[in-house]
N, C-alpha and C. Protein backbone atom coordinates (compact mmCIF):
# COMPACT_ATOMS: atom_id res chain seq x y z
N MET A 1 69.92 90.74 96.09
CA MET A 1 68.57 90.19 95.71
C MET A 1 68.54 90.30 94.17
N ALA A 2 68.02 89.23 93.58
CA ALA A 2 67.85 89.09 92.20
C ALA A 2 66.80 90.16 91.68
N ARG A 3 67.06 90.65 90.57
CA ARG A 3 66.14 91.52 89.71
C ARG A 3 64.98 90.72 89.30
N PRO A 4 63.66 91.22 89.35
CA PRO A 4 62.52 90.57 88.79
C PRO A 4 62.73 90.63 87.29
N THR A 5 62.26 89.41 86.63
CA THR A 5 62.22 89.38 85.21
C THR A 5 60.97 89.77 84.58
N PRO A 6 60.86 89.90 83.28
CA PRO A 6 59.46 90.21 82.84
C PRO A 6 58.50 89.14 83.11
N TYR A 7 58.96 87.80 83.16
CA TYR A 7 58.00 86.95 83.77
C TYR A 7 57.38 87.23 84.94
N ASP A 8 58.32 87.46 86.05
CA ASP A 8 58.00 87.73 87.39
C ASP A 8 57.02 88.92 87.46
N LEU A 9 57.13 90.02 86.60
CA LEU A 9 56.52 91.37 86.82
C LEU A 9 55.21 91.16 86.11
N PHE A 10 55.02 90.43 84.99
CA PHE A 10 53.95 90.75 84.00
C PHE A 10 53.13 89.38 83.82
N LEU A 11 53.78 88.34 83.88
CA LEU A 11 53.09 87.00 83.58
C LEU A 11 52.82 85.84 84.45
N ALA A 12 53.59 85.85 85.70
CA ALA A 12 53.74 84.71 86.57
C ALA A 12 52.33 84.50 87.16
N PRO A 13 51.43 85.39 87.55
CA PRO A 13 50.16 85.02 88.07
C PRO A 13 49.32 84.30 87.22
N ILE A 14 49.14 84.74 85.84
CA ILE A 14 48.35 83.99 84.92
C ILE A 14 48.86 82.81 84.37
N ALA A 15 50.31 82.95 84.05
CA ALA A 15 51.08 81.79 83.48
C ALA A 15 50.99 80.55 84.47
N ASP A 16 51.21 80.91 85.66
CA ASP A 16 51.30 79.64 86.59
C ASP A 16 49.99 78.73 86.43
N GLU A 17 48.88 79.49 86.04
CA GLU A 17 47.66 78.64 85.80
C GLU A 17 47.58 78.20 84.48
N SER A 18 48.01 79.01 83.49
CA SER A 18 47.80 78.74 82.19
C SER A 18 48.67 77.72 81.45
N PHE A 19 50.05 77.92 81.90
CA PHE A 19 50.94 77.12 81.15
C PHE A 19 50.98 75.79 81.27
N PRO A 20 50.64 75.15 82.49
CA PRO A 20 50.46 73.74 82.52
C PRO A 20 49.33 73.27 81.58
N ARG A 21 48.26 74.01 81.51
CA ARG A 21 47.11 73.47 80.51
C ARG A 21 47.63 73.49 79.05
N ILE A 22 48.47 74.66 78.79
CA ILE A 22 49.02 74.69 77.44
C ILE A 22 50.10 73.46 77.21
N ARG A 23 50.98 73.11 78.15
CA ARG A 23 51.68 72.12 78.08
C ARG A 23 50.98 70.72 77.95
N ALA A 24 49.90 70.49 78.55
CA ALA A 24 49.09 69.28 78.36
C ALA A 24 48.46 69.17 76.96
N SER A 25 48.06 70.37 76.73
CA SER A 25 47.35 70.50 75.36
C SER A 25 48.30 70.17 74.22
N LEU A 26 49.47 70.71 74.16
CA LEU A 26 50.54 70.64 73.14
C LEU A 26 51.00 69.17 72.98
N ALA A 27 51.03 68.69 74.29
CA ALA A 27 51.59 67.26 74.23
C ALA A 27 50.51 66.25 73.81
N ALA A 28 49.36 66.54 74.16
CA ALA A 28 48.14 65.66 73.47
C ALA A 28 48.06 65.75 72.04
N ALA A 29 48.49 66.82 71.36
CA ALA A 29 48.56 67.02 70.08
C ALA A 29 49.92 66.73 69.44
N ALA A 30 50.89 66.23 70.08
CA ALA A 30 52.09 65.89 69.83
C ALA A 30 52.84 67.23 68.89
N VAL A 31 52.57 68.43 69.49
CA VAL A 31 53.11 69.57 68.91
C VAL A 31 54.43 69.97 69.47
N ASP A 32 55.42 70.30 68.61
CA ASP A 32 56.65 70.80 69.18
C ASP A 32 56.22 72.35 69.55
N PRO A 33 56.65 72.66 71.06
CA PRO A 33 56.38 73.96 71.45
C PRO A 33 57.14 75.05 70.73
N ALA A 34 58.37 74.61 70.27
CA ALA A 34 59.02 75.74 69.55
C ALA A 34 58.62 76.06 68.25
N ASP A 35 57.71 75.33 67.68
CA ASP A 35 57.14 75.62 66.41
C ASP A 35 56.04 76.72 66.60
N ARG A 36 56.34 77.95 66.28
CA ARG A 36 55.45 79.14 66.75
C ARG A 36 54.21 78.99 65.96
N ASP A 37 54.06 78.65 64.69
CA ASP A 37 52.83 78.54 63.97
C ASP A 37 51.89 77.54 64.79
N ALA A 38 52.46 76.25 65.02
CA ALA A 38 51.56 75.24 65.73
C ALA A 38 51.26 75.66 66.94
N PHE A 39 52.19 76.29 67.66
CA PHE A 39 51.87 76.73 69.02
C PHE A 39 50.77 77.63 69.08
N LEU A 40 50.60 78.68 68.10
CA LEU A 40 49.57 79.67 68.13
C LEU A 40 48.28 79.04 67.64
N MET A 41 48.27 77.87 67.19
CA MET A 41 46.85 77.14 66.72
C MET A 41 46.34 76.30 67.80
N ASP A 42 47.00 76.28 68.97
CA ASP A 42 46.49 75.61 70.19
C ASP A 42 45.43 76.42 70.72
N ARG A 43 44.32 75.72 71.09
CA ARG A 43 43.17 76.42 71.76
C ARG A 43 43.65 77.08 73.03
N GLU A 44 44.38 76.39 73.94
CA GLU A 44 44.75 76.97 75.26
C GLU A 44 45.57 78.25 75.13
N VAL A 45 46.42 78.10 74.05
CA VAL A 45 47.19 79.47 73.78
C VAL A 45 46.27 80.59 73.30
N VAL A 46 45.39 80.22 72.29
CA VAL A 46 44.43 81.33 71.89
C VAL A 46 43.65 81.94 73.00
N THR A 47 43.25 81.00 73.83
CA THR A 47 42.37 81.63 75.03
C THR A 47 43.30 82.69 75.88
N LEU A 48 44.51 82.06 76.14
CA LEU A 48 45.55 82.94 76.93
C LEU A 48 45.78 84.40 76.26
N ILE A 49 46.04 84.45 75.01
CA ILE A 49 46.27 85.54 74.32
C ILE A 49 45.12 86.49 74.35
N ARG A 50 43.88 85.93 74.16
CA ARG A 50 42.52 86.75 74.06
C ARG A 50 42.46 87.47 75.56
N GLU A 51 42.74 86.56 76.59
CA GLU A 51 42.81 87.05 77.85
C GLU A 51 43.61 88.22 78.09
N LEU A 52 44.87 88.24 77.48
CA LEU A 52 45.90 89.06 77.81
C LEU A 52 45.74 90.53 77.04
N ARG A 53 45.26 90.32 75.74
CA ARG A 53 45.34 91.32 74.87
C ARG A 53 44.69 92.47 75.12
N GLY A 54 43.40 92.36 75.75
CA GLY A 54 42.31 93.53 75.70
C GLY A 54 41.98 94.02 74.53
N ASP A 55 41.63 95.38 74.58
CA ASP A 55 41.04 95.88 73.40
C ASP A 55 42.12 96.73 72.64
N GLU A 56 43.28 96.90 73.03
CA GLU A 56 44.18 97.79 72.49
C GLU A 56 45.35 97.25 71.88
N ALA A 57 45.68 95.72 71.97
CA ALA A 57 46.78 95.07 71.45
C ALA A 57 46.55 94.75 69.98
N LEU A 58 46.82 95.62 69.08
CA LEU A 58 46.62 95.37 67.69
C LEU A 58 47.94 95.63 66.89
N GLY A 59 48.02 95.09 65.65
CA GLY A 59 49.15 95.39 64.86
C GLY A 59 50.42 94.90 65.42
N GLU A 60 51.50 95.95 65.70
CA GLU A 60 52.76 95.68 66.05
C GLU A 60 52.62 95.23 67.65
N ALA A 61 51.78 95.94 68.42
CA ALA A 61 51.68 95.62 69.76
C ALA A 61 51.31 94.11 69.93
N MET A 62 50.49 93.49 68.99
CA MET A 62 49.87 92.25 69.16
C MET A 62 50.95 91.29 68.73
N ASP A 63 51.91 91.47 67.84
CA ASP A 63 53.01 90.76 67.36
C ASP A 63 54.07 90.82 68.63
N GLN A 64 54.20 91.81 69.46
CA GLN A 64 54.99 91.80 70.56
C GLN A 64 54.46 90.87 71.72
N MET A 65 53.12 90.84 71.77
CA MET A 65 52.58 90.17 72.84
C MET A 65 52.62 88.53 72.41
N VAL A 66 52.29 88.37 71.23
CA VAL A 66 52.56 86.91 70.84
C VAL A 66 53.91 86.36 71.01
N ALA A 67 54.96 87.11 70.59
CA ALA A 67 56.35 86.75 70.91
C ALA A 67 56.68 86.67 72.42
N LEU A 68 56.07 87.48 73.24
CA LEU A 68 56.17 87.57 74.74
C LEU A 68 55.70 86.14 75.17
N VAL A 69 54.48 85.94 74.82
CA VAL A 69 53.88 84.73 75.39
C VAL A 69 54.53 83.37 74.93
N HIS A 70 54.89 83.37 73.63
CA HIS A 70 55.78 82.23 73.16
C HIS A 70 57.00 81.99 73.94
N GLN A 71 57.81 83.19 73.75
CA GLN A 71 59.09 83.01 74.51
C GLN A 71 59.07 82.80 76.00
N THR A 72 58.24 83.29 76.62
CA THR A 72 57.99 83.05 78.20
C THR A 72 57.63 81.60 78.40
N TYR A 73 56.58 81.25 77.48
CA TYR A 73 56.20 79.72 77.64
C TYR A 73 57.40 78.88 77.43
N LEU A 74 58.19 78.93 76.38
CA LEU A 74 59.38 78.26 76.06
C LEU A 74 60.31 78.21 77.42
N ALA A 75 60.60 79.45 77.89
CA ALA A 75 61.54 79.48 78.98
C ALA A 75 60.81 78.85 80.24
N TRP A 76 59.73 79.00 80.40
CA TRP A 76 58.81 78.16 81.61
C TRP A 76 59.09 76.73 81.43
N ASP A 77 58.77 76.27 80.18
CA ASP A 77 58.72 74.82 79.94
C ASP A 77 60.23 74.31 80.06
N ALA A 78 61.32 75.04 79.89
CA ALA A 78 62.79 74.68 79.98
C ALA A 78 63.04 74.78 81.40
N GLY A 79 62.24 75.20 82.21
CA GLY A 79 62.58 75.22 83.70
C GLY A 79 62.91 76.78 84.28
N LEU A 80 62.52 77.84 83.48
CA LEU A 80 62.82 79.12 83.88
C LEU A 80 64.28 79.40 84.17
N ILE A 81 65.16 79.23 83.24
CA ILE A 81 66.58 79.27 83.50
C ILE A 81 66.92 80.70 83.41
N LEU A 82 67.41 81.26 84.44
CA LEU A 82 67.92 82.80 84.33
C LEU A 82 69.29 82.77 84.29
N VAL A 83 69.85 83.53 83.25
CA VAL A 83 71.28 83.76 83.24
C VAL A 83 71.73 85.00 83.53
N PRO A 84 72.07 85.41 84.84
CA PRO A 84 72.40 86.68 85.05
C PRO A 84 73.78 86.98 84.80
N LEU A 85 73.97 88.13 84.03
CA LEU A 85 75.37 88.32 83.47
C LEU A 85 75.98 89.40 84.28
N THR A 86 77.16 89.20 84.75
CA THR A 86 77.92 90.19 85.44
C THR A 86 78.56 91.28 84.45
N ASP A 87 78.92 92.28 85.09
CA ASP A 87 79.47 93.29 84.49
C ASP A 87 80.81 92.78 83.49
N GLN A 88 81.53 92.08 84.21
CA GLN A 88 82.74 91.49 83.53
C GLN A 88 82.63 90.52 82.49
N ALA A 89 81.40 89.60 82.79
CA ALA A 89 81.13 88.67 81.72
C ALA A 89 80.46 89.44 80.40
N THR A 90 79.74 90.42 80.72
CA THR A 90 78.99 91.08 79.67
C THR A 90 80.18 91.90 78.82
N GLU A 91 81.02 92.52 79.40
CA GLU A 91 82.06 93.26 78.91
C GLU A 91 82.89 92.31 77.88
N ALA A 92 83.19 91.00 78.44
CA ALA A 92 83.87 90.13 77.65
C ALA A 92 83.12 89.54 76.50
N MET A 93 81.84 89.33 76.70
CA MET A 93 81.00 88.89 75.57
C MET A 93 80.82 89.96 74.47
N LEU A 94 80.73 91.09 74.89
CA LEU A 94 80.54 92.18 73.67
C LEU A 94 81.76 92.50 73.10
N SER A 95 82.81 92.26 73.58
CA SER A 95 84.14 92.70 73.00
C SER A 95 84.79 91.49 72.25
N GLU A 96 84.32 90.19 72.28
CA GLU A 96 84.91 89.11 71.86
C GLU A 96 84.78 89.26 70.21
N PRO A 97 85.80 88.75 69.64
CA PRO A 97 85.88 88.71 68.07
C PRO A 97 84.51 88.03 67.47
N ARG A 98 84.18 88.35 66.47
CA ARG A 98 82.95 87.85 65.71
C ARG A 98 83.36 86.43 65.27
N SER A 99 82.49 85.52 65.60
CA SER A 99 82.74 84.00 65.22
C SER A 99 81.70 83.36 64.38
N ASP A 100 81.85 82.42 63.64
CA ASP A 100 80.80 81.79 62.78
C ASP A 100 80.42 80.40 63.65
N ALA A 101 80.93 80.30 64.97
CA ALA A 101 80.61 79.21 65.63
C ALA A 101 79.07 79.05 65.88
N PRO A 102 78.54 77.86 65.80
CA PRO A 102 77.17 77.69 66.20
C PRO A 102 76.82 77.91 67.55
N ALA A 103 75.57 77.91 67.91
CA ALA A 103 75.22 78.03 69.38
C ALA A 103 75.84 76.99 70.05
N ALA A 104 76.13 77.14 71.36
CA ALA A 104 76.71 76.03 72.16
C ALA A 104 75.76 74.87 72.26
N ALA A 105 76.42 73.76 72.07
CA ALA A 105 75.48 72.46 71.84
C ALA A 105 74.73 72.22 73.06
N ASP A 106 75.34 72.57 74.33
CA ASP A 106 74.69 72.20 75.40
C ASP A 106 74.09 73.51 76.20
N SER A 107 73.73 74.39 75.37
CA SER A 107 72.98 75.66 75.90
C SER A 107 71.52 75.15 76.20
N PRO A 108 70.80 75.65 77.04
CA PRO A 108 69.34 75.36 77.25
C PRO A 108 68.52 75.63 76.05
N LYS A 109 67.48 75.01 75.86
CA LYS A 109 66.52 75.34 74.60
C LYS A 109 65.97 76.66 74.74
N ALA A 110 65.77 77.13 75.97
CA ALA A 110 65.20 78.48 76.06
C ALA A 110 65.63 79.05 77.48
N TYR A 111 65.94 80.28 77.61
CA TYR A 111 66.34 80.97 78.79
C TYR A 111 66.23 82.41 78.74
N TYR A 112 66.31 83.05 79.96
CA TYR A 112 66.49 84.69 79.93
C TYR A 112 67.83 85.03 80.36
N ALA A 113 68.46 85.83 79.33
CA ALA A 113 69.81 86.29 79.79
C ALA A 113 69.61 87.67 80.37
N GLN A 114 69.84 88.07 81.44
CA GLN A 114 69.63 89.32 82.17
C GLN A 114 71.05 90.14 82.14
N MET A 115 70.96 91.28 81.61
CA MET A 115 72.02 91.93 81.49
C MET A 115 72.25 92.97 82.80
N PRO A 116 73.44 93.39 83.11
CA PRO A 116 73.72 94.46 84.01
C PRO A 116 72.74 95.51 83.90
N GLU A 117 72.24 96.18 84.90
CA GLU A 117 71.35 97.36 84.82
C GLU A 117 72.11 98.44 83.91
N ARG A 118 71.34 98.99 83.16
CA ARG A 118 71.78 100.44 82.32
C ARG A 118 73.20 100.12 81.77
N LEU A 119 73.61 99.23 81.26
CA LEU A 119 74.83 99.06 80.77
C LEU A 119 74.72 98.94 79.11
N VAL A 120 73.57 98.40 78.49
CA VAL A 120 73.44 98.27 77.21
C VAL A 120 72.04 99.06 76.80
N TRP A 121 72.31 99.84 75.72
CA TRP A 121 71.23 100.78 75.46
C TRP A 121 70.88 100.64 74.02
N ALA A 122 69.56 101.15 73.56
CA ALA A 122 69.20 101.19 72.13
C ALA A 122 68.06 101.98 72.08
N SER A 123 67.91 102.63 70.75
CA SER A 123 66.86 103.56 70.62
C SER A 123 65.68 102.42 69.86
N VAL A 124 64.82 102.29 70.67
CA VAL A 124 63.68 101.21 70.22
C VAL A 124 62.55 101.83 69.66
N VAL A 125 62.16 102.97 70.11
CA VAL A 125 60.96 103.60 69.33
C VAL A 125 61.53 104.95 68.84
N GLU A 126 61.13 105.19 67.43
CA GLU A 126 61.79 106.41 66.83
C GLU A 126 61.22 107.54 67.43
N GLY A 127 61.99 108.46 67.71
CA GLY A 127 61.53 109.71 68.25
C GLY A 127 61.50 109.67 69.89
N GLU A 128 61.62 108.66 70.59
CA GLU A 128 61.75 108.43 71.95
C GLU A 128 63.19 108.17 72.39
N PRO A 129 63.43 108.66 73.61
CA PRO A 129 64.86 108.53 74.30
C PRO A 129 65.26 107.02 74.25
N PRO A 130 66.49 106.74 74.10
CA PRO A 130 67.10 105.25 74.16
C PRO A 130 66.64 104.73 75.45
N GLU A 131 66.50 103.32 75.52
CA GLU A 131 66.05 102.68 76.77
C GLU A 131 67.17 101.56 77.00
N PRO A 132 67.32 101.17 78.23
CA PRO A 132 68.42 100.25 78.63
C PRO A 132 67.81 98.69 78.40
N LEU A 133 68.79 97.98 77.83
CA LEU A 133 68.30 96.53 77.74
C LEU A 133 68.37 95.70 78.97
N ASP A 134 67.16 95.44 79.47
CA ASP A 134 67.11 94.46 80.69
C ASP A 134 67.74 93.04 80.34
N GLY A 135 67.19 92.54 79.35
CA GLY A 135 67.82 91.21 78.99
C GLY A 135 67.10 90.69 77.83
N CYS A 136 67.39 89.47 77.43
CA CYS A 136 66.87 88.68 76.25
C CYS A 136 66.35 87.16 76.61
N PHE A 137 65.17 86.99 76.00
CA PHE A 137 64.64 85.74 75.89
C PHE A 137 65.33 85.17 74.65
N VAL A 138 65.99 83.98 74.95
CA VAL A 138 66.70 83.22 73.76
C VAL A 138 66.02 81.96 73.49
N SER A 139 65.62 81.47 72.49
CA SER A 139 64.99 80.07 72.28
C SER A 139 65.43 79.64 70.87
N ARG A 140 65.59 78.19 70.78
CA ARG A 140 65.96 77.57 69.56
C ARG A 140 64.82 77.41 68.85
N VAL A 141 64.89 77.45 67.53
CA VAL A 141 63.63 77.12 66.81
C VAL A 141 64.06 75.73 65.97
N PRO A 142 63.05 75.07 65.60
CA PRO A 142 63.32 73.60 65.08
C PRO A 142 64.23 73.49 63.96
N ASP A 143 64.73 74.47 63.35
CA ASP A 143 65.87 74.35 62.19
C ASP A 143 67.25 74.83 62.83
N ALA A 144 67.35 75.05 64.11
CA ALA A 144 68.43 75.21 64.88
C ALA A 144 68.87 76.78 64.93
N ASP A 145 68.12 77.54 64.17
CA ASP A 145 68.37 78.97 64.41
C ASP A 145 67.80 79.37 65.80
N LEU A 146 68.15 80.73 66.06
CA LEU A 146 67.68 81.31 67.43
C LEU A 146 66.50 82.31 67.08
N ARG A 147 65.71 82.61 67.98
CA ARG A 147 64.86 83.80 68.40
C ARG A 147 65.22 84.46 69.59
N VAL A 148 65.44 85.59 69.34
CA VAL A 148 65.96 86.60 70.53
C VAL A 148 64.95 87.73 70.63
N LEU A 149 64.38 87.68 71.93
CA LEU A 149 63.32 88.82 72.27
C LEU A 149 63.94 89.84 73.25
N GLY A 150 64.35 90.93 72.64
CA GLY A 150 64.89 91.98 73.56
C GLY A 150 63.81 92.71 74.40
N ILE A 151 64.20 92.85 75.81
CA ILE A 151 63.29 93.54 76.63
C ILE A 151 63.95 94.82 77.21
N PHE A 152 63.40 95.97 76.83
CA PHE A 152 63.94 97.29 77.02
C PHE A 152 63.11 98.06 77.88
N GLY A 153 63.74 98.89 78.82
CA GLY A 153 63.07 99.67 79.55
C GLY A 153 62.37 99.17 80.74
N LEU A 154 62.58 97.94 81.35
CA LEU A 154 61.93 97.34 82.25
C LEU A 154 62.27 97.80 83.72
N ARG A 155 61.20 98.25 84.35
CA ARG A 155 61.39 98.57 85.77
C ARG A 155 60.20 98.32 86.49
N PRO A 156 60.20 98.16 87.92
CA PRO A 156 58.97 97.76 88.60
C PRO A 156 57.81 98.87 88.59
N ASP A 157 58.34 100.12 88.56
CA ASP A 157 57.28 101.12 88.54
C ASP A 157 56.73 101.58 87.28
N ARG A 158 57.19 100.74 86.25
CA ARG A 158 56.51 101.20 84.85
C ARG A 158 55.45 100.20 84.41
N ALA A 159 54.45 100.50 83.81
CA ALA A 159 53.40 99.67 83.49
C ALA A 159 53.71 98.70 82.40
N GLY A 160 54.69 98.93 81.78
CA GLY A 160 55.11 98.03 80.46
C GLY A 160 56.51 98.13 80.17
N PHE A 161 56.72 97.70 78.99
CA PHE A 161 58.14 97.71 78.62
C PHE A 161 58.29 97.60 77.03
N SER A 162 59.39 98.07 76.53
CA SER A 162 59.62 97.90 75.03
C SER A 162 60.18 96.44 74.66
N ALA A 163 59.69 95.79 73.58
CA ALA A 163 60.11 94.61 73.13
C ALA A 163 60.55 94.46 71.58
N VAL A 164 61.54 93.96 71.43
CA VAL A 164 62.20 93.66 69.75
C VAL A 164 62.37 92.39 69.75
N GLU A 165 61.80 91.55 68.76
CA GLU A 165 62.27 90.27 68.48
C GLU A 165 62.89 90.09 67.24
N VAL A 166 63.88 89.41 67.07
CA VAL A 166 64.66 89.03 65.82
C VAL A 166 64.89 87.42 65.93
N GLY A 167 65.11 86.92 64.77
CA GLY A 167 65.45 85.66 64.60
C GLY A 167 66.18 85.14 63.35
N GLY A 168 66.85 84.05 63.51
CA GLY A 168 67.68 83.66 62.36
C GLY A 168 68.87 83.09 62.70
N ALA A 169 69.68 82.59 61.51
CA ALA A 169 71.11 82.22 61.79
C ALA A 169 72.00 83.39 62.40
N ARG A 170 73.03 82.82 62.87
CA ARG A 170 74.01 83.82 63.20
C ARG A 170 74.49 84.76 62.20
N PRO A 171 74.23 86.07 62.31
CA PRO A 171 74.70 87.18 61.27
C PRO A 171 76.06 86.94 60.88
N GLY A 172 76.51 87.10 59.62
CA GLY A 172 77.85 87.06 59.27
C GLY A 172 78.25 88.47 58.79
N ARG A 173 79.65 88.73 59.18
CA ARG A 173 80.38 89.75 58.85
C ARG A 173 79.65 91.13 59.11
N LEU A 174 79.05 91.29 60.33
CA LEU A 174 78.52 92.55 60.75
C LEU A 174 79.63 93.62 60.79
N ALA A 175 79.17 94.72 60.42
CA ALA A 175 80.09 96.00 60.46
C ALA A 175 79.07 97.15 60.44
N ARG A 176 79.39 98.20 61.23
CA ARG A 176 78.64 99.40 61.31
C ARG A 176 79.10 100.26 60.24
N SER A 177 78.16 101.15 59.74
CA SER A 177 78.37 101.87 58.55
C SER A 177 79.46 103.01 58.93
N ASP A 178 79.45 103.53 60.19
CA ASP A 178 80.42 104.60 60.64
C ASP A 178 81.84 103.94 60.98
N GLY A 179 81.98 102.69 60.84
CA GLY A 179 83.30 102.13 61.29
C GLY A 179 83.54 101.70 62.72
N THR A 180 82.52 102.09 63.62
CA THR A 180 82.89 101.75 65.01
C THR A 180 82.46 100.40 65.24
N ALA A 181 83.03 99.88 66.37
CA ALA A 181 82.88 98.45 66.68
C ALA A 181 81.49 98.11 66.98
N LEU A 182 81.10 96.68 66.99
CA LEU A 182 79.68 96.42 67.35
C LEU A 182 79.50 96.62 68.87
N PHE A 183 78.62 96.95 69.18
CA PHE A 183 78.12 97.24 70.52
C PHE A 183 78.69 98.54 71.17
N ALA A 184 79.64 99.35 70.47
CA ALA A 184 80.21 100.54 70.89
C ALA A 184 79.14 101.55 71.21
N PRO A 185 79.26 102.36 72.24
CA PRO A 185 78.35 103.24 72.61
C PRO A 185 77.97 104.30 71.56
N THR A 186 76.78 104.64 71.57
CA THR A 186 76.29 105.80 70.62
C THR A 186 75.62 106.90 71.54
N LEU A 187 75.45 106.72 72.88
CA LEU A 187 75.04 107.86 73.65
C LEU A 187 76.16 108.81 73.98
N PRO A 188 75.74 110.23 74.08
CA PRO A 188 76.74 111.14 74.40
C PRO A 188 77.39 110.66 75.61
N GLY A 189 78.82 110.74 75.76
CA GLY A 189 79.38 110.37 77.00
C GLY A 189 79.35 108.92 77.32
N GLY A 190 78.86 108.09 76.36
CA GLY A 190 78.81 106.61 76.65
C GLY A 190 80.17 105.86 76.80
N ARG A 191 81.07 106.32 75.98
CA ARG A 191 82.33 105.60 76.08
C ARG A 191 82.99 105.82 77.52
N ALA A 192 82.95 107.26 77.88
CA ALA A 192 83.53 107.47 79.31
C ALA A 192 82.71 106.91 80.39
N ALA A 193 81.52 106.59 80.17
CA ALA A 193 80.71 106.01 81.24
C ALA A 193 80.74 104.37 81.21
N GLY A 194 81.51 103.90 80.25
CA GLY A 194 81.63 102.50 79.85
C GLY A 194 80.31 101.72 79.47
N LEU A 195 79.57 102.40 78.63
CA LEU A 195 78.25 101.86 78.20
C LEU A 195 78.45 101.20 76.86
N HIS A 196 77.39 100.53 76.42
CA HIS A 196 77.46 99.80 75.20
C HIS A 196 75.93 100.08 74.54
N SER A 197 75.99 100.04 73.18
CA SER A 197 74.76 100.22 72.47
C SER A 197 74.56 99.18 71.23
N ILE A 198 73.11 98.93 71.22
CA ILE A 198 72.75 98.14 70.13
C ILE A 198 72.14 99.12 68.95
N THR A 199 72.67 98.93 67.73
CA THR A 199 72.20 99.74 66.72
C THR A 199 71.13 99.31 65.64
N GLY A 200 70.97 98.00 65.77
CA GLY A 200 70.16 97.45 64.63
C GLY A 200 69.83 96.09 65.07
N GLU A 201 68.96 95.32 64.46
CA GLU A 201 68.33 94.13 64.83
C GLU A 201 69.38 92.94 64.65
N GLU A 202 70.26 93.21 63.66
CA GLU A 202 71.35 92.21 63.59
C GLU A 202 72.23 92.10 64.81
N GLU A 203 72.58 93.34 65.31
CA GLU A 203 73.33 93.24 66.50
C GLU A 203 72.72 92.70 67.59
N LEU A 204 71.29 92.93 67.78
CA LEU A 204 70.65 92.28 68.68
C LEU A 204 70.60 90.62 68.59
N LEU A 205 70.39 90.18 67.47
CA LEU A 205 70.51 88.72 67.17
C LEU A 205 71.97 88.24 67.45
N GLU A 206 73.05 89.01 66.96
CA GLU A 206 74.25 88.67 67.40
C GLU A 206 74.53 88.55 69.00
N LEU A 207 73.99 89.53 69.63
CA LEU A 207 74.12 89.51 71.20
C LEU A 207 73.48 88.21 71.60
N GLY A 208 72.12 87.75 71.08
CA GLY A 208 71.59 86.49 71.55
C GLY A 208 72.38 85.44 71.33
N TRP A 209 73.08 85.32 70.10
CA TRP A 209 74.05 84.17 69.91
C TRP A 209 75.15 84.21 70.89
N ARG A 210 75.66 85.30 71.17
CA ARG A 210 76.89 85.36 72.11
C ARG A 210 76.45 84.95 73.47
N THR A 211 75.21 85.00 73.89
CA THR A 211 74.87 84.54 75.17
C THR A 211 74.95 82.91 75.32
N THR A 212 74.80 82.16 74.20
CA THR A 212 74.40 80.85 74.34
C THR A 212 75.62 80.13 75.08
N GLY A 213 77.02 80.45 74.99
CA GLY A 213 77.88 79.92 75.86
C GLY A 213 77.74 80.05 77.24
N LEU A 214 77.39 81.31 77.65
CA LEU A 214 77.18 81.62 79.07
C LEU A 214 76.10 80.93 79.61
N ALA A 215 75.08 80.63 78.69
CA ALA A 215 73.89 80.15 79.28
C ALA A 215 74.09 78.62 79.36
N ALA A 216 74.91 77.95 78.60
CA ALA A 216 75.37 76.53 78.77
C ALA A 216 76.28 76.41 80.22
N ALA A 217 77.00 77.33 80.37
CA ALA A 217 77.67 77.33 81.74
C ALA A 217 76.95 77.46 82.87
N ALA A 218 75.88 78.36 82.76
CA ALA A 218 74.87 78.60 83.81
C ALA A 218 74.12 77.30 84.08
N ALA A 219 73.69 76.81 82.98
CA ALA A 219 72.76 75.61 83.16
C ALA A 219 73.47 74.46 83.82
N GLY A 220 74.83 74.29 83.30
CA GLY A 220 75.71 73.35 83.86
C GLY A 220 75.98 73.45 85.37
N ALA A 221 76.11 74.58 85.79
CA ALA A 221 76.27 75.00 87.12
C ALA A 221 75.14 74.66 87.95
N ALA A 222 73.93 75.02 87.48
CA ALA A 222 72.70 74.85 88.07
C ALA A 222 72.46 73.31 88.36
């Protein structure tokens, strides 16, 4: 049985009603949905965010909510393409040599790449225990760079999750200061357990870029 995505768990009931209205409003104004600034100026988008935010979503929490709404809308508009990564595919993706290749030209404009459960970890909130990466929303921005929204600590019995968004061109010549390989585990016993870790925003962005080829294959198969 497929694992639920962040869209399934938190946004589907309201998005199924709101997103078609947003699509119609953006089309009427000839707005590119990938343009976040223009997206956030749309009246239907403003209404949805006000409905979702409550009284506590301020500062960083508000930024995360805006990113989540935009990324999930783009994924919905692209057909809610789910790219479920197997253990084998993830291991190959994380161990491949660094490349300056652009995103796969035939990869979807937006999708959710779902990682194997509890395989990739990161310390998201300072002072809090590391959390597993459930997956990433990946979308193209108008200048052909990527936005990657990592979803951490997602599980059906939790009221929320942690989210980190990064964006930009593919990072070049990434290297960890301690000399370990990208995505090498940092958790105690992580190597013996076959785990991986993300140690910074650039590694998360690089991971997003690496999913584009797998997303293109998944979209072609679908």
